[in-house]
């Protein structure tokens, strides 16, 4: 039997799976991203990476650092294409104030968890996060492996 196909297409461009592993995600926000034309074209081709990205607050504004958008080979030669440039995040004043207050508190940071399409716009899902200790990471790994093992047991039980 085939799986049901959902009506909504997956709009995710890229996810930062490392953030979920390294941090306890506390509160999430949706932010617009200020991009140039070649970056949007590269995102449509899926040439983005968020592995070491984080959000920095400066002068009451939020900026995405460490994200990498690789330019397409067809990008025009008269554009200066910097794959790791700092990109401005577009948030309202209340959200900026809440993020600034949390980041100034000890032990919290703000990370980008994914980039996705919302209509024709590129949005970033950012989250306030608290770093995990190594024993927390081991616990996460154990839970993930147990989930896979449960699926195998259930699948084998259904076959018999």
C-alpha atoms as a PDB file:
ATOM      1  CA  UNK A   1       0.000   0.000   0.000  1.00  0.00           C
ATOM      2  CA  UNK A   2       1.283   3.439  -0.902  1.00  0.00           C
ATOM      3  CA  UNK A   3       1.547   6.390   1.417  1.00  0.00           C
ATOM      4  CA  UNK A   4      -1.010   9.172   1.254  1.00  0.00           C
ATOM      5  CA  UNK A   5       0.214  12.215  -0.578  1.00  0.00           C
ATOM      6  CA  UNK A   6      -0.449  15.465   1.252  1.00  0.00           C
ATOM      7  CA  UNK A   7      -1.871  18.479  -0.547  1.00  0.00           C
ATOM      8  CA  UNK A   8       0.736  20.910   0.777  1.00  0.00           C
ATOM      9  CA  UNK A   9       4.170  20.831  -0.807  1.00  0.00           C
ATOM     10  CA  UNK A  10       7.190  20.849   1.476  1.00  0.00           C
ATOM     11  CA  UNK A  11       8.418  24.432   1.444  1.00  0.00           C
ATOM     12  CA  UNK A  12      11.617  23.811   3.425  1.00  0.00           C
ATOM     13  CA  UNK A  13      14.765  25.017   1.682  1.00  0.00           C
ATOM     14  CA  UNK A  14      17.315  23.903   4.282  1.00  0.00           C
ATOM     15  CA  UNK A  15      17.249  22.766   7.928  1.00  0.00           C
ATOM     16  CA  UNK A  16      19.831  23.131  10.661  1.00  0.00           C
ATOM     17  CA  UNK A  17      19.660  19.674  12.264  1.00  0.00           C
ATOM     18  CA  UNK A  18      22.816  20.417  14.233  1.00  0.00           C
ATOM     19  CA  UNK A  19      20.980  23.134  16.206  1.00  0.00           C
ATOM     20  CA  UNK A  20      18.445  20.611  17.539  1.00  0.00           C
ATOM     21  CA  UNK A  21      21.287  18.333  18.612  1.00  0.00           C
ATOM     22  CA  UNK A  22      23.463  21.018  20.225  1.00  0.00           C
ATOM     23  CA  UNK A  23      20.778  23.167  21.884  1.00  0.00           C
ATOM     24  CA  UNK A  24      17.549  23.003  23.863  1.00  0.00           C
ATOM     25  CA  UNK A  25      15.257  25.136  21.701  1.00  0.00           C
ATOM     26  CA  UNK A  26      13.110  27.330  23.946  1.00  0.00           C
ATOM     27  CA  UNK A  27      11.060  29.772  21.861  1.00  0.00           C
ATOM     28  CA  UNK A  28      10.823  30.135  18.099  1.00  0.00           C
ATOM     29  CA  UNK A  29      10.177  33.095  15.804  1.00  0.00           C
ATOM     30  CA  UNK A  30       9.530  33.596  12.104  1.00  0.00           C
ATOM     31  CA  UNK A  31      11.702  36.213  10.456  1.00  0.00           C
ATOM     32  CA  UNK A  32      11.951  37.552   6.934  1.00  0.00           C
ATOM     33  CA  UNK A  33      15.387  37.522   5.325  1.00  0.00           C
ATOM     34  CA  UNK A  34      16.783  40.411   3.262  1.00  0.00           C
ATOM     35  CA  UNK A  35      18.324  38.756   0.186  1.00  0.00           C
ATOM     36  CA  UNK A  36      19.691  39.798  -3.193  1.00  0.00           C
ATOM     37  CA  UNK A  37      18.494  38.390  -6.517  1.00  0.00           C
ATOM     38  CA  UNK A  38      21.265  35.837  -7.024  1.00  0.00           C
ATOM     39  CA  UNK A  39      20.708  34.499  -3.486  1.00  0.00           C
ATOM     40  CA  UNK A  40      17.021  33.840  -4.166  1.00  0.00           C
ATOM     41  CA  UNK A  41      17.911  31.982  -7.372  1.00  0.00           C
ATOM     42  CA  UNK A  42      20.502  29.896  -5.510  1.00  0.00           C
ATOM     43  CA  UNK A  43      17.943  29.095  -2.783  1.00  0.00           C
ATOM     44  CA  UNK A  44      15.483  27.897  -5.450  1.00  0.00           C
ATOM     45  CA  UNK A  45      18.238  25.517  -6.588  1.00  0.00           C
ATOM     46  CA  UNK A  46      18.736  24.387  -2.954  1.00  0.00           C
ATOM     47  CA  UNK A  47      22.297  25.660  -2.577  1.00  0.00           C
ATOM     48  CA  UNK A  48      22.165  26.739   1.079  1.00  0.00           C
ATOM     49  CA  UNK A  49      23.753  25.602   4.320  1.00  0.00           C
ATOM     50  CA  UNK A  50      22.925  26.584   7.924  1.00  0.00           C
ATOM     51  CA  UNK A  51      25.292  24.330   9.869  1.00  0.00           C
ATOM     52  CA  UNK A  52      27.215  26.940  11.888  1.00  0.00           C
ATOM     53  CA  UNK A  53      24.760  29.814  11.585  1.00  0.00           C
ATOM     54  CA  UNK A  54      23.571  31.972  14.453  1.00  0.00           C
ATOM     55  CA  UNK A  55      21.716  35.236  15.009  1.00  0.00           C
ATOM     56  CA  UNK A  56      23.561  38.314  16.280  1.00  0.00           C
ATOM     57  CA  UNK A  57      21.859  41.405  17.668  1.00  0.00           C
ATOM     58  CA  UNK A  58      23.469  44.747  16.794  1.00  0.00           C
ATOM     59  CA  UNK A  59      21.976  48.227  17.206  1.00  0.00           C
ATOM     60  CA  UNK A  60      18.532  46.773  17.921  1.00  0.00           C
ATOM     61  CA  UNK A  61      18.504  44.729  14.698  1.00  0.00           C
ATOM     62  CA  UNK A  62      18.984  41.005  14.066  1.00  0.00           C
ATOM     63  CA  UNK A  63      21.520  39.612  11.582  1.00  0.00           C
ATOM     64  CA  UNK A  64      22.080  36.048  10.366  1.00  0.00           C
ATOM     65  CA  UNK A  65      25.756  35.079  10.457  1.00  0.00           C
ATOM     66  CA  UNK A  66      27.470  31.906   9.293  1.00  0.00           C
ATOM     67  CA  UNK A  67      24.838  30.857   6.772  1.00  0.00           C
ATOM     68  CA  UNK A  68      26.214  29.949   3.375  1.00  0.00           C
ATOM     69  CA  UNK A  69      24.391  30.400   0.065  1.00  0.00           C
ATOM     70  CA  UNK A  70      26.536  29.105  -2.781  1.00  0.00           C
ATOM     71  CA  UNK A  71      26.131  31.184  -5.952  1.00  0.00           C
ATOM     72  CA  UNK A  72      25.025  29.441  -9.127  1.00  0.00           C
ATOM     73  CA  UNK A  73      27.597  29.006 -11.878  1.00  0.00           C
ATOM     74  CA  UNK A  74      25.338  31.146 -14.080  1.00  0.00           C
ATOM     75  CA  UNK A  75      25.448  34.137 -11.699  1.00  0.00           C
ATOM     76  CA  UNK A  76      26.383  37.212 -13.660  1.00  0.00           C
ATOM     77  CA  UNK A  77      30.006  38.282 -13.505  1.00  0.00           C
ATOM     78  CA  UNK A  78      29.235  41.893 -12.573  1.00  0.00           C
ATOM     79  CA  UNK A  79      27.733  40.873  -9.196  1.00  0.00           C
ATOM     80  CA  UNK A  80      29.966  40.533  -6.168  1.00  0.00           C
ATOM     81  CA  UNK A  81      28.790  37.208  -4.751  1.00  0.00           C
ATOM     82  CA  UNK A  82      29.843  36.653  -1.145  1.00  0.00           C
ATOM     83  CA  UNK A  83      28.415  33.255  -0.056  1.00  0.00           C
ATOM     84  CA  UNK A  84      28.819  33.935   3.676  1.00  0.00           C
ATOM     85  CA  UNK A  85      27.719  37.551   3.869  1.00  0.00           C
ATOM     86  CA  UNK A  86      25.768  38.810   6.896  1.00  0.00           C
ATOM     87  CA  UNK A  87      22.046  38.890   6.110  1.00  0.00           C
ATOM     88  CA  UNK A  88      19.540  41.111   7.898  1.00  0.00           C
ATOM     89  CA  UNK A  89      16.552  39.437   9.569  1.00  0.00           C
ATOM     90  CA  UNK A  90      13.239  41.268   9.486  1.00  0.00           C
ATOM     91  CA  UNK A  91      11.317  41.087  12.774  1.00  0.00           C
ATOM     92  CA  UNK A  92       8.894  43.411  14.523  1.00  0.00           C
ATOM     93  CA  UNK A  93       9.983  45.553  17.462  1.00  0.00           C
ATOM     94  CA  UNK A  94       8.435  43.343  20.176  1.00  0.00           C
ATOM     95  CA  UNK A  95      10.158  40.217  18.846  1.00  0.00           C
ATOM     96  CA  UNK A  96      13.493  42.031  18.592  1.00  0.00           C
ATOM     97  CA  UNK A  97      13.158  43.258  22.198  1.00  0.00           C
ATOM     98  CA  UNK A  98      12.321  39.752  23.457  1.00  0.00           C
ATOM     99  CA  UNK A  99      15.272  38.196  21.617  1.00  0.00           C
ATOM    100  CA  UNK A 100      17.648  40.930  22.824  1.00  0.00           C
ATOM    101  CA  UNK A 101      16.546  40.434  26.441  1.00  0.00           C
ATOM    102  CA  UNK A 102      16.975  36.659  26.221  1.00  0.00           C
ATOM    103  CA  UNK A 103      20.352  36.800  24.475  1.00  0.00           C
ATOM    104  CA  UNK A 104      21.695  39.243  27.074  1.00  0.00           C
ATOM    105  CA  UNK A 105      20.758  36.691  29.758  1.00  0.00           C
ATOM    106  CA  UNK A 106      23.575  34.293  30.545  1.00  0.00           C
ATOM    107  CA  UNK A 107      23.725  31.021  28.611  1.00  0.00           C
ATOM    108  CA  UNK A 108      21.175  31.776  25.900  1.00  0.00           C
ATOM    109  CA  UNK A 109      21.758  32.272  22.211  1.00  0.00           C
ATOM    110  CA  UNK A 110      19.660  32.610  19.081  1.00  0.00           C
ATOM    111  CA  UNK A 111      20.099  30.130  16.220  1.00  0.00           C
ATOM    112  CA  UNK A 112      18.493  29.712  12.806  1.00  0.00           C
ATOM    113  CA  UNK A 113      16.761  26.328  12.573  1.00  0.00           C
ATOM    114  CA  UNK A 114      15.542  26.441   8.967  1.00  0.00           C
ATOM    115  CA  UNK A 115      14.913  28.496   5.846  1.00  0.00           C
ATOM    116  CA  UNK A 116      11.647  27.991   3.985  1.00  0.00           C
ATOM    117  CA  UNK A 117       9.347  29.495   1.377  1.00  0.00           C
ATOM    118  CA  UNK A 118       6.173  31.276   2.417  1.00  0.00           C
ATOM    119  CA  UNK A 119       4.541  32.127  -0.862  1.00  0.00           C
ATOM    120  CA  UNK A 120       7.256  33.878  -2.848  1.00  0.00           C
ATOM    121  CA  UNK A 121       9.102  35.077   0.270  1.00  0.00           C
ATOM    122  CA  UNK A 122      12.017  33.430   2.057  1.00  0.00           C
ATOM    123  CA  UNK A 123      11.465  33.086   5.802  1.00  0.00           C
ATOM    124  CA  UNK A 124      13.853  31.984   8.536  1.00  0.00           C
ATOM    125  CA  UNK A 125      12.733  30.017  11.570  1.00  0.00           C
ATOM    126  CA  UNK A 126      14.929  31.220  14.426  1.00  0.00           C
ATOM    127  CA  UNK A 127      14.864  30.003  17.998  1.00  0.00           C
ATOM    128  CA  UNK A 128      16.129  31.091  21.378  1.00  0.00           C
ATOM    129  CA  UNK A 129      18.323  28.271  22.591  1.00  0.00           C
ATOM    130  CA  UNK A 130      20.213  27.049  25.623  1.00  0.00           C
ATOM    131  CA  UNK A 131      23.326  24.919  25.046  1.00  0.00           C
ATOM    132  CA  UNK A 132      23.175  21.208  25.860  1.00  0.00           C
ATOM    133  CA  UNK A 133      25.729  19.444  28.004  1.00  0.00           C
ATOM    134  CA  UNK A 134      27.411  16.320  26.600  1.00  0.00           C
ATOM    135  CA  UNK A 135      25.241  14.015  28.757  1.00  0.00           C
ATOM    136  CA  UNK A 136      22.117  15.669  27.293  1.00  0.00           C
ATOM    137  CA  UNK A 137      23.406  14.936  23.799  1.00  0.00           C
ATOM    138  CA  UNK A 138      23.964  11.281  24.729  1.00  0.00           C
ATOM    139  CA  UNK A 139      20.399  11.072  26.054  1.00  0.00           C
ATOM    140  CA  UNK A 140      19.067  12.539  22.787  1.00  0.00           C
ATOM    141  CA  UNK A 141      21.073   9.961  20.835  1.00  0.00           C
ATOM    142  CA  UNK A 142      19.702   7.100  22.998  1.00  0.00           C
ATOM    143  CA  UNK A 143      16.115   8.284  22.506  1.00  0.00           C
ATOM    144  CA  UNK A 144      16.602   8.514  18.750  1.00  0.00           C
ATOM    145  CA  UNK A 145      18.107   5.006  18.551  1.00  0.00           C
ATOM    146  CA  UNK A 146      15.301   3.598  20.715  1.00  0.00           C
ATOM    147  CA  UNK A 147      12.718   5.163  18.380  1.00  0.00           C
ATOM    148  CA  UNK A 148      14.340   3.441  15.379  1.00  0.00           C
ATOM    149  CA  UNK A 149      14.478   0.137  17.282  1.00  0.00           C
ATOM    150  CA  UNK A 150      10.765   0.424  18.200  1.00  0.00           C
ATOM    151  CA  UNK A 151       9.892   0.981  14.536  1.00  0.00           C
ATOM    152  CA  UNK A 152      11.841  -2.151  13.562  1.00  0.00           C
ATOM    153  CA  UNK A 153      10.119  -4.231  16.240  1.00  0.00           C
ATOM    154  CA  UNK A 154       6.678  -2.977  15.158  1.00  0.00           C
ATOM    155  CA  UNK A 155       7.434  -3.601  11.494  1.00  0.00           C
ATOM    156  CA  UNK A 156       8.656  -7.161  12.181  1.00  0.00           C
ATOM    157  CA  UNK A 157       5.609  -7.873  14.394  1.00  0.00           C
ATOM    158  CA  UNK A 158       3.230  -6.768  11.616  1.00  0.00           C
ATOM    159  CA  UNK A 159       4.974  -8.984   9.023  1.00  0.00           C
ATOM    160  CA  UNK A 160       4.401 -12.165  11.070  1.00  0.00           C
END
